[in-house]
Amino acid sequence: MNKRSFFKIFITTFIVFFIILPIIISNTSWPTLARDYLFEMALDETGAANTVSSIYLGYRLLDTLGETLVLFVAIIGTMSILSNLHKQSLQSIETYSKLPLEKRAKNSLRTNLVEVVASKLGPIILLFGLYVMLYGHISPGGGFQGGVILASAIVFLALGTEVKSKLTNTNVLFKIESFSFISLILVTTYVVFFPNGFFSNIDTNNTFISASIIIILNIMIGLKVGTSLASVIIAMMGGQNDH
């Protein structure tokens, strides 16, 4: 490490330390008004027993939609980069395919044990991801958490078998992602036609209706996150995209 880099690290550490120091030595207690209000009113106003779900799918729904939009754009950019890299490597792949079978390194990092375990765990993880999405309004979980689990399950399925599957096809995953994103926008904006206004539940006095909307939002977000992450990982693995 040269002196210039060391100096930059030292200055950055010094600035960060003095920014955090007042927070550490301060005796002022954290504000509790918003926290207490959410704990008391979240269930009645959103229908979700899980306060986290009531916040990001109720009070902060606009922020959540923005986060999914950022993810959507990031996935499009990543897939475009991977597509260009794939085109640049076609020549090396053609050279590789001309090698005799015994000289190819195909599946050199994938053993029978990995294939068997991954193929068995994939459906189980997939079911668990759906459970986390569907019950995120009453227990720990939700769309983002369930979506990550869903992506893990799809990757397991892609690792566990060489048989082509619709669920591990990047084109199919991208279609599901687009459908879920469009559905999310429709579900979050159609309430403009109801008295409660933009980005709100239809009827906050009806716990069943409010909870149903949050369940639908969790499903849409879970599908969006799961298919996005899975499509990128499978594309990096050189996965299927031909049907």
Protein backbone atom coordinates (compact mmCIF):
# COMPACT_ATOMS: atom_id res chain seq x y z
CA MET A 1 0.00 0.00 0.00
CA ASN A 2 1.49 3.32 -1.08
CA LYS A 3 1.43 6.49 1.01
CA ARG A 4 -1.33 8.09 -1.04
CA SER A 5 -3.73 5.19 -0.51
CA PHE A 6 -2.87 5.05 3.19
CA PHE A 7 -3.55 8.78 3.50
CA LYS A 8 -6.98 8.43 1.83
CA ILE A 9 -7.94 5.56 4.14
CA PHE A 10 -6.78 7.53 7.19
CA ILE A 11 -8.75 10.66 6.22
CA THR A 12 -11.89 8.61 5.45
CA THR A 13 -11.66 6.79 8.78
CA PHE A 14 -11.10 10.06 10.61
CA ILE A 15 -14.16 11.71 9.03
CA VAL A 16 -16.41 8.69 9.62
CA PHE A 17 -15.27 8.45 13.24
CA PHE A 18 -16.14 12.06 14.02
CA ILE A 19 -19.51 11.72 12.28
CA ILE A 20 -20.43 8.71 14.41
CA LEU A 21 -18.86 10.00 17.64
CA PRO A 22 -21.69 12.43 18.54
CA ILE A 23 -24.19 9.60 18.20
CA ILE A 24 -22.15 7.38 20.50
CA ILE A 25 -21.63 9.93 23.28
CA SER A 26 -25.11 11.46 23.04
CA ASN A 27 -27.50 10.85 25.95
CA THR A 28 -30.58 11.71 23.89
CA SER A 29 -32.95 8.77 23.66
CA TRP A 30 -34.24 7.53 20.33
CA PRO A 31 -37.70 8.81 19.32
CA THR A 32 -40.44 6.31 20.08
CA LEU A 33 -43.57 8.08 18.84
CA ALA A 34 -43.58 6.53 15.35
CA ARG A 35 -42.59 3.11 16.71
CA ASP A 36 -45.38 3.06 19.27
CA TYR A 37 -47.93 4.22 16.71
CA LEU A 38 -46.96 1.44 14.28
CA PHE A 39 -47.13 -1.24 16.96
CA GLU A 40 -50.56 -0.08 18.07
CA MET A 41 -52.20 0.75 14.73
CA ALA A 42 -50.45 -1.35 12.05
CA LEU A 43 -52.78 -4.34 12.35
CA ASP A 44 -55.95 -2.25 12.33
CA GLU A 45 -54.87 -0.03 9.45
CA THR A 46 -53.26 -2.61 7.16
CA GLY A 47 -54.56 -5.99 8.30
CA ALA A 48 -51.02 -7.42 8.69
CA ALA A 49 -49.96 -8.87 12.03
CA ASN A 50 -46.35 -8.66 10.87
CA THR A 51 -45.48 -5.00 11.45
CA VAL A 52 -42.61 -5.16 8.93
CA SER A 53 -45.03 -6.19 6.17
CA SER A 54 -47.49 -3.48 7.21
CA ILE A 55 -44.73 -0.88 6.83
CA TYR A 56 -43.22 -1.81 3.49
CA LEU A 57 -46.53 -2.88 1.91
CA GLY A 58 -48.68 -0.24 3.58
CA TYR A 59 -47.13 2.92 4.91
CA ARG A 60 -44.08 2.77 2.61
CA LEU A 61 -45.63 1.10 -0.41
CA LEU A 62 -44.39 3.82 -2.78
CA ASP A 63 -40.81 3.20 -1.61
CA THR A 64 -41.26 -0.53 -2.13
CA LEU A 65 -42.45 0.03 -5.69
CA GLY A 66 -39.38 2.17 -6.29
CA GLU A 67 -37.12 -0.59 -4.98
CA THR A 68 -38.67 -3.13 -7.34
CA LEU A 69 -38.22 -0.67 -10.21
CA VAL A 70 -34.51 -0.31 -9.35
CA LEU A 71 -34.18 -4.10 -9.26
CA PHE A 72 -35.95 -4.40 -12.61
CA VAL A 73 -33.58 -1.92 -14.27
CA ALA A 74 -30.54 -3.58 -12.66
CA ILE A 75 -31.57 -7.00 -13.95
CA ILE A 76 -32.08 -5.66 -17.48
CA GLY A 77 -28.62 -4.09 -17.42
CA THR A 78 -26.99 -7.22 -16.03
CA MET A 79 -28.66 -9.49 -18.57
CA SER A 80 -27.57 -7.16 -21.38
CA ILE A 81 -23.96 -7.33 -20.21
CA LEU A 82 -24.12 -11.12 -19.91
CA SER A 83 -25.64 -11.35 -23.38
CA ASN A 84 -22.77 -9.34 -24.88
CA LEU A 85 -20.23 -11.46 -23.05
CA HIS A 86 -21.94 -14.57 -24.37
CA LYS A 87 -21.67 -13.32 -27.95
CA GLN A 88 -17.97 -12.56 -27.49
CA SER A 89 -17.31 -16.06 -26.18
CA LEU A 90 -19.08 -17.92 -29.00
CA GLN A 91 -15.84 -18.47 -30.86
CA SER A 92 -14.15 -20.06 -27.86
CA ILE A 93 -17.23 -22.24 -27.29
CA GLU A 94 -17.13 -23.46 -30.88
CA THR A 95 -13.47 -24.35 -30.45
CA TYR A 96 -14.27 -26.14 -27.21
CA SER A 97 -17.11 -28.15 -28.80
CA LYS A 98 -14.73 -29.56 -31.41
CA LEU A 99 -12.64 -31.27 -28.77
CA PRO A 100 -13.06 -35.02 -28.26
CA LEU A 101 -15.48 -36.00 -25.50
CA GLU A 102 -12.77 -37.41 -23.28
CA LYS A 103 -10.87 -34.10 -23.37
CA ARG A 104 -13.76 -31.88 -22.42
CA ALA A 105 -13.99 -30.50 -18.89
CA LYS A 106 -17.79 -30.61 -18.91
CA ASN A 107 -19.31 -30.76 -15.44
CA SER A 108 -15.83 -31.02 -13.92
CA LEU A 109 -17.04 -29.07 -10.88
CA ARG A 110 -20.39 -30.83 -10.65
CA THR A 111 -20.47 -34.28 -9.07
CA ASN A 112 -23.25 -36.83 -8.90
CA LEU A 113 -23.70 -35.95 -5.23
CA VAL A 114 -24.35 -32.29 -6.07
CA GLU A 115 -26.87 -33.26 -8.76
CA VAL A 116 -28.77 -35.66 -6.52
CA VAL A 117 -28.85 -33.38 -3.47
CA ALA A 118 -29.76 -30.28 -5.48
CA SER A 119 -32.54 -32.04 -7.39
CA LYS A 120 -34.08 -33.29 -4.12
CA LEU A 121 -33.74 -30.04 -2.21
CA GLY A 122 -34.99 -27.83 -5.06
CA PRO A 123 -38.73 -28.64 -4.76
CA ILE A 124 -38.58 -28.48 -0.94
CA ILE A 125 -36.94 -25.04 -0.99
CA LEU A 126 -39.41 -23.92 -3.64
CA LEU A 127 -42.32 -24.90 -1.40
CA PHE A 128 -40.74 -23.13 1.57
CA GLY A 129 -40.25 -19.98 -0.49
CA LEU A 130 -43.94 -19.98 -1.43
CA TYR A 131 -44.84 -20.44 2.24
CA VAL A 132 -42.70 -17.46 3.27
CA MET A 133 -44.37 -15.32 0.60
CA LEU A 134 -47.92 -16.35 1.43
CA TYR A 135 -47.61 -16.04 5.21
CA GLY A 136 -45.40 -12.94 5.38
CA HIS A 137 -48.31 -10.86 6.68
CA ILE A 138 -48.66 -12.91 9.88
CA SER A 139 -45.15 -14.32 10.43
CA PRO A 140 -41.52 -13.37 9.68
CA GLY A 141 -41.06 -13.26 5.93
CA GLY A 142 -42.67 -11.61 2.96
CA GLY A 143 -42.12 -10.96 -0.71
CA PHE A 144 -38.42 -10.06 -0.64
CA GLN A 145 -37.43 -12.86 1.71
CA GLY A 146 -39.59 -15.43 -0.06
CA GLY A 147 -38.28 -14.25 -3.43
CA VAL A 148 -34.67 -14.90 -2.43
CA ILE A 149 -35.61 -18.40 -1.23
CA LEU A 150 -37.50 -18.94 -4.49
CA ALA A 151 -34.43 -17.94 -6.48
CA SER A 152 -32.33 -20.39 -4.47
CA ALA A 153 -34.79 -23.17 -5.27
CA ILE A 154 -34.68 -22.43 -9.00
CA VAL A 155 -30.87 -22.42 -8.96
CA PHE A 156 -30.93 -25.76 -7.14
CA LEU A 157 -33.20 -27.15 -9.84
CA ALA A 158 -30.83 -25.87 -12.51
CA LEU A 159 -27.88 -27.52 -10.76
CA GLY A 160 -29.68 -30.75 -10.08
CA THR A 161 -30.45 -31.84 -13.61
CA GLU A 162 -29.41 -31.34 -17.22
CA VAL A 163 -32.95 -31.86 -18.48
CA LYS A 164 -34.40 -28.66 -19.93
CA SER A 165 -37.08 -27.16 -17.73
CA LYS A 166 -39.37 -24.19 -18.19
CA LEU A 167 -38.67 -23.07 -14.64
CA THR A 168 -34.91 -22.82 -15.26
CA ASN A 169 -35.23 -21.10 -18.62
CA THR A 170 -34.07 -17.48 -18.53
CA ASN A 171 -36.58 -16.36 -21.16
CA VAL A 172 -39.47 -17.84 -19.17
CA LEU A 173 -38.15 -16.34 -15.95
CA PHE A 174 -37.92 -12.91 -17.57
CA LYS A 175 -41.54 -13.20 -18.76
CA ILE A 176 -42.68 -14.10 -15.24
CA GLU A 177 -40.68 -11.18 -13.86
CA SER A 178 -42.25 -8.75 -16.32
CA PHE A 179 -45.75 -10.07 -15.61
CA SER A 180 -45.27 -9.80 -11.84
CA PHE A 181 -43.87 -6.26 -12.14
CA ILE A 182 -46.79 -5.09 -14.29
CA SER A 183 -49.23 -6.77 -11.90
CA LEU A 184 -47.55 -5.07 -8.95
CA ILE A 185 -47.97 -1.67 -10.57
CA LEU A 186 -51.64 -2.38 -11.33
CA VAL A 187 -52.38 -3.63 -7.81
CA THR A 188 -50.67 -0.67 -6.16
CA THR A 189 -52.24 2.00 -8.38
CA TYR A 190 -55.81 0.83 -8.97
CA VAL A 191 -56.82 2.14 -5.54
CA VAL A 192 -56.73 5.64 -7.02
CA PHE A 193 -60.34 4.92 -7.96
CA PHE A 194 -61.28 4.43 -4.28
CA PRO A 195 -61.83 7.07 -1.58
CA ASN A 196 -58.69 6.27 0.43
CA GLY A 197 -56.47 7.59 -2.36
CA PHE A 198 -53.23 6.71 -4.07
CA PHE A 199 -51.19 3.73 -2.79
CA SER A 200 -53.61 2.78 -0.03
CA ASN A 201 -55.82 -0.16 0.86
CA ILE A 202 -59.39 -0.24 -0.38
CA ASP A 203 -60.94 -0.51 3.06
CA THR A 204 -58.79 -0.20 6.17
CA ASN A 205 -61.84 -1.01 8.30
CA ASN A 206 -62.01 -4.49 6.77
CA THR A 207 -59.05 -6.48 8.05
CA PHE A 208 -59.69 -9.34 5.64
CA ILE A 209 -59.59 -7.13 2.54
CA SER A 210 -56.50 -5.26 3.75
CA ALA A 211 -54.66 -8.49 4.53
CA SER A 212 -55.67 -9.96 1.16
CA ILE A 213 -54.09 -7.02 -0.66
CA ILE A 214 -50.86 -7.45 1.29
CA ILE A 215 -50.81 -11.17 0.44
CA ILE A 216 -51.20 -10.36 -3.26
CA LEU A 217 -48.42 -7.77 -3.04
CA ASN A 218 -46.15 -10.28 -1.31
CA ILE A 219 -46.77 -12.80 -4.08
CA MET A 220 -46.04 -10.28 -6.83
CA ILE A 221 -42.87 -9.02 -5.13
CA GLY A 222 -41.74 -12.58 -4.36
CA LEU A 223 -42.13 -13.66 -7.98
CA LYS A 224 -40.39 -10.50 -9.14
CA VAL A 225 -37.39 -10.89 -6.84
CA GLY A 226 -37.14 -14.66 -7.24
CA THR A 227 -37.20 -14.74 -11.02
CA SER A 228 -34.87 -11.74 -11.28
CA LEU A 229 -32.14 -13.24 -9.13
CA ALA A 230 -32.57 -16.73 -10.57
CA SER A 231 -32.36 -15.54 -14.17
CA VAL A 232 -29.11 -13.67 -13.52
CA ILE A 233 -27.48 -16.59 -11.69
CA ILE A 234 -28.58 -19.13 -14.31
CA ALA A 235 -27.33 -16.83 -17.08
CA MET A 236 -23.96 -16.61 -15.31
CA MET A 237 -23.93 -20.41 -15.17
CA GLY A 238 -24.51 -20.53 -18.93
CA GLY A 239 -28.07 -21.70 -18.41
CA GLN A 240 -30.95 -22.32 -20.79
CA ASN A 241 -32.37 -19.55 -22.89
CA ASP A 242 -33.31 -21.26 -26.12
CA HIS A 243 -36.98 -22.04 -25.63
